[in-house]
């Protein structure tokens, strides 16, 4: 299949997953600073971009995180790292899902990983995914703790918020369109800091 067809097919799959939302100039600037053009990353690693596109379409590697407005497929710079750690692309799914005790949860996380939508983490690893889930759940539950509002509670809360802040990039306006609302940074970092200022 010619490169243009594979690229168009991948763009179509991306829009099926994310919806068809315009990328603004500000979105492009953000994405170019945070992610790498797939073709450039493949050149650096000595990989064939078409072969990688086939792996993405075959649900062996995640879809791009973004399609820039010029059509560039933007991916994380460590796109190939997990497959390397797993011992190869063919072993990646089993290695990845084994990080969850519940097979159904592992499968759901694998599907989420393949969607390319884990743009909410600087580095997408099973450990980072689990840590983010733990921290966001703890932040969400914090206001119901018995000592809510005390200085000690505030200190604990802000430690959690700072942990999440370190895990997550800034996001861009495009993300709020494709996710249909505020991001976890909006709700669990910015809103919490505004509502409960550090004492």
Protein backbone atom coordinates (compact mmCIF):
# COMPACT_ATOMS: atom_id res chain seq x y z
CA UNK A 1 0.00 0.00 0.00
CA UNK A 2 1.51 3.41 -0.96
CA UNK A 3 2.58 5.74 1.86
CA UNK A 4 -0.11 8.30 1.05
CA UNK A 5 -2.83 5.65 1.40
CA UNK A 6 -1.46 4.44 4.73
CA UNK A 7 -1.19 8.00 5.98
CA UNK A 8 -4.78 8.73 4.91
CA UNK A 9 -5.98 5.49 6.50
CA UNK A 10 -4.23 6.37 9.76
CA UNK A 11 -5.71 9.88 9.68
CA UNK A 12 -9.16 8.35 9.17
CA UNK A 13 -8.69 6.02 12.15
CA UNK A 14 -7.46 8.94 14.24
CA UNK A 15 -10.62 10.94 13.45
CA UNK A 16 -12.83 7.94 14.21
CA UNK A 17 -11.32 7.84 17.70
CA UNK A 18 -11.00 11.57 18.39
CA UNK A 19 -13.66 13.23 16.27
CA UNK A 20 -12.96 15.76 13.54
CA UNK A 21 -11.89 18.92 15.37
CA UNK A 22 -9.78 21.72 13.92
CA UNK A 23 -6.25 22.28 15.18
CA UNK A 24 -5.53 25.97 15.79
CA UNK A 25 -2.15 27.64 15.41
CA UNK A 26 -1.80 27.57 19.22
CA UNK A 27 -2.59 23.83 19.21
CA UNK A 28 0.08 23.24 16.57
CA UNK A 29 2.68 25.18 18.56
CA UNK A 30 1.89 23.21 21.72
CA UNK A 31 1.96 19.85 19.96
CA UNK A 32 5.20 20.61 18.12
CA UNK A 33 6.85 21.43 21.46
CA UNK A 34 5.59 18.30 23.23
CA UNK A 35 5.59 15.64 20.48
CA UNK A 36 7.63 14.49 17.47
CA UNK A 37 6.68 14.00 13.82
CA UNK A 38 6.35 10.23 13.26
CA UNK A 39 8.46 10.31 10.11
CA UNK A 40 11.28 12.18 11.88
CA UNK A 41 11.18 9.79 14.85
CA UNK A 42 11.32 6.80 12.51
CA UNK A 43 14.30 8.31 10.70
CA UNK A 44 16.14 8.76 14.01
CA UNK A 45 15.46 5.14 15.03
CA UNK A 46 16.10 3.63 11.59
CA UNK A 47 12.51 2.47 11.25
CA UNK A 48 10.24 2.49 8.22
CA UNK A 49 7.36 4.91 8.77
CA UNK A 50 4.96 2.81 6.68
CA UNK A 51 5.75 -0.28 8.74
CA UNK A 52 5.01 1.70 11.92
CA UNK A 53 1.74 2.97 10.45
CA UNK A 54 0.76 -0.63 9.73
CA UNK A 55 1.51 -1.55 13.34
CA UNK A 56 -0.71 1.33 14.50
CA UNK A 57 -3.54 0.31 12.17
CA UNK A 58 -3.09 -3.31 13.30
CA UNK A 59 -3.48 -2.33 16.97
CA UNK A 60 0.10 -3.24 17.85
CA UNK A 61 1.28 0.33 18.60
CA UNK A 62 -0.76 3.36 19.72
CA UNK A 63 -2.25 5.82 17.29
CA UNK A 64 -0.61 9.26 17.08
CA UNK A 65 -1.43 11.58 19.95
CA UNK A 66 -2.31 14.39 17.54
CA UNK A 67 -2.61 15.19 13.86
CA UNK A 68 -1.12 18.61 13.35
CA UNK A 69 -3.00 20.92 10.97
CA UNK A 70 -0.42 20.18 8.24
CA UNK A 71 -1.23 16.46 8.55
CA UNK A 72 1.91 15.49 10.48
CA UNK A 73 1.33 12.46 12.73
CA UNK A 74 2.61 13.63 16.11
CA UNK A 75 3.79 10.95 18.53
CA UNK A 76 5.67 10.85 21.86
CA UNK A 77 9.44 10.71 21.55
CA UNK A 78 9.45 7.44 23.52
CA UNK A 79 6.89 5.76 21.22
CA UNK A 80 9.05 2.64 20.82
CA UNK A 81 10.30 2.43 24.42
CA UNK A 82 7.60 0.15 25.86
CA UNK A 83 7.87 -2.34 23.00
CA UNK A 84 11.60 -2.42 23.61
CA UNK A 85 11.07 -3.04 27.31
CA UNK A 86 8.54 -5.79 26.54
CA UNK A 87 10.97 -7.58 24.24
CA UNK A 88 9.30 -6.60 20.97
CA UNK A 89 6.03 -5.36 19.52
CA UNK A 90 4.63 -8.90 19.39
CA UNK A 91 5.06 -9.23 23.18
CA UNK A 92 3.87 -5.74 24.08
CA UNK A 93 0.17 -6.42 24.73
CA UNK A 94 0.81 -9.34 27.12
CA UNK A 95 3.56 -7.41 28.92
CA UNK A 96 1.41 -4.28 29.20
CA UNK A 97 -1.81 -5.93 30.42
CA UNK A 98 0.09 -8.06 32.98
CA UNK A 99 0.65 -4.89 35.03
CA UNK A 100 -2.99 -5.07 36.17
CA UNK A 101 -4.20 -7.88 38.44
CA UNK A 102 -7.66 -7.77 36.85
CA UNK A 103 -7.47 -8.93 33.18
CA UNK A 104 -10.52 -6.82 32.22
CA UNK A 105 -8.87 -3.67 33.61
CA UNK A 106 -5.63 -4.54 31.82
CA UNK A 107 -7.49 -4.98 28.53
CA UNK A 108 -9.35 -1.67 28.99
CA UNK A 109 -6.07 0.12 29.68
CA UNK A 110 -4.47 -1.52 26.63
CA UNK A 111 -7.33 -0.24 24.47
CA UNK A 112 -6.94 3.23 25.98
CA UNK A 113 -3.18 3.09 25.31
CA UNK A 114 -3.76 2.08 21.66
CA UNK A 115 -6.13 5.04 21.18
CA UNK A 116 -3.18 7.43 21.47
CA UNK A 117 -5.24 9.51 23.90
CA UNK A 118 -2.83 9.12 26.82
CA UNK A 119 -1.57 12.61 26.02
CA UNK A 120 -2.27 13.33 29.70
CA UNK A 121 1.11 11.88 30.74
CA UNK A 122 4.65 13.00 29.97
CA UNK A 123 5.63 9.34 29.72
CA UNK A 124 3.01 6.66 29.03
CA UNK A 125 3.93 3.57 31.03
CA UNK A 126 1.76 1.16 33.04
CA UNK A 127 3.31 2.53 36.24
CA UNK A 128 2.54 6.14 35.29
CA UNK A 129 -1.03 5.24 34.26
CA UNK A 130 -1.60 3.50 37.60
CA UNK A 131 -0.01 6.33 39.56
CA UNK A 132 -2.15 8.94 37.82
CA UNK A 133 -5.31 6.93 38.52
CA UNK A 134 -4.36 6.62 42.21
CA UNK A 135 -3.54 10.32 42.60
CA UNK A 136 -6.62 11.64 40.78
CA UNK A 137 -8.86 9.33 42.85
CA UNK A 138 -7.21 10.54 46.06
CA UNK A 139 -7.62 14.20 45.06
CA UNK A 140 -11.29 13.66 44.15
CA UNK A 141 -11.98 11.93 47.49
CA UNK A 142 -9.99 14.39 49.62
CA UNK A 143 -12.79 16.83 50.41
CA UNK A 144 -14.74 14.01 52.10
CA UNK A 145 -11.95 13.15 54.53
CA UNK A 146 -12.76 13.68 58.24
CA UNK A 147 -10.12 16.42 58.68
CA UNK A 148 -10.99 18.27 55.45
CA UNK A 149 -10.17 21.96 55.71
CA UNK A 150 -7.41 21.61 58.30
CA UNK A 151 -3.81 22.65 57.71
CA UNK A 152 -2.60 19.05 57.75
CA UNK A 153 -5.28 18.07 55.21
CA UNK A 154 -4.33 21.01 52.99
CA UNK A 155 -0.70 19.93 53.07
CA UNK A 156 -1.61 16.35 52.06
CA UNK A 157 -3.87 17.61 49.29
CA UNK A 158 -1.22 19.87 47.79
CA UNK A 159 1.36 17.09 47.84
CA UNK A 160 -1.06 15.03 45.71
CA UNK A 161 -1.77 17.95 43.37
CA UNK A 162 1.95 18.59 42.94
CA UNK A 163 2.47 14.88 42.12
CA UNK A 164 -0.20 15.05 39.43
CA UNK A 165 1.24 18.31 38.12
CA UNK A 166 4.60 16.57 37.63
CA UNK A 167 2.97 13.68 35.73
CA UNK A 168 0.87 15.75 33.33
CA UNK A 169 1.68 18.17 30.51
CA UNK A 170 -0.29 21.39 30.06
CA UNK A 171 -2.83 20.11 27.47
CA UNK A 172 -4.18 22.32 24.69
CA UNK A 173 -7.60 23.59 23.60
CA UNK A 174 -7.93 20.73 21.08
CA UNK A 175 -7.91 18.25 23.97
CA UNK A 176 -10.98 19.86 25.53
CA UNK A 177 -12.81 19.41 22.22
CA UNK A 178 -11.93 15.77 21.69
CA UNK A 179 -12.50 14.81 25.33
CA UNK A 180 -15.76 16.76 25.42
CA UNK A 181 -14.95 18.93 28.41
CA UNK A 182 -12.29 19.88 30.93
CA UNK A 183 -9.08 17.88 31.26
CA UNK A 184 -7.80 16.29 34.46
CA UNK A 185 -5.39 19.21 34.79
CA UNK A 186 -8.38 21.58 34.74
CA UNK A 187 -10.35 19.66 37.36
CA UNK A 188 -7.71 18.09 39.61
CA UNK A 189 -4.91 20.66 39.51
CA UNK A 190 -6.03 24.15 38.50
CA UNK A 191 -9.51 24.00 40.05
CA UNK A 192 -8.25 22.43 43.28
CA UNK A 193 -5.49 25.03 43.69
CA UNK A 194 -8.00 27.81 43.06
CA UNK A 195 -10.57 26.37 45.48
CA UNK A 196 -8.14 25.36 48.21
CA UNK A 197 -5.17 27.76 48.09
CA UNK A 198 -1.99 26.53 49.69
CA UNK A 199 -2.04 27.62 53.33
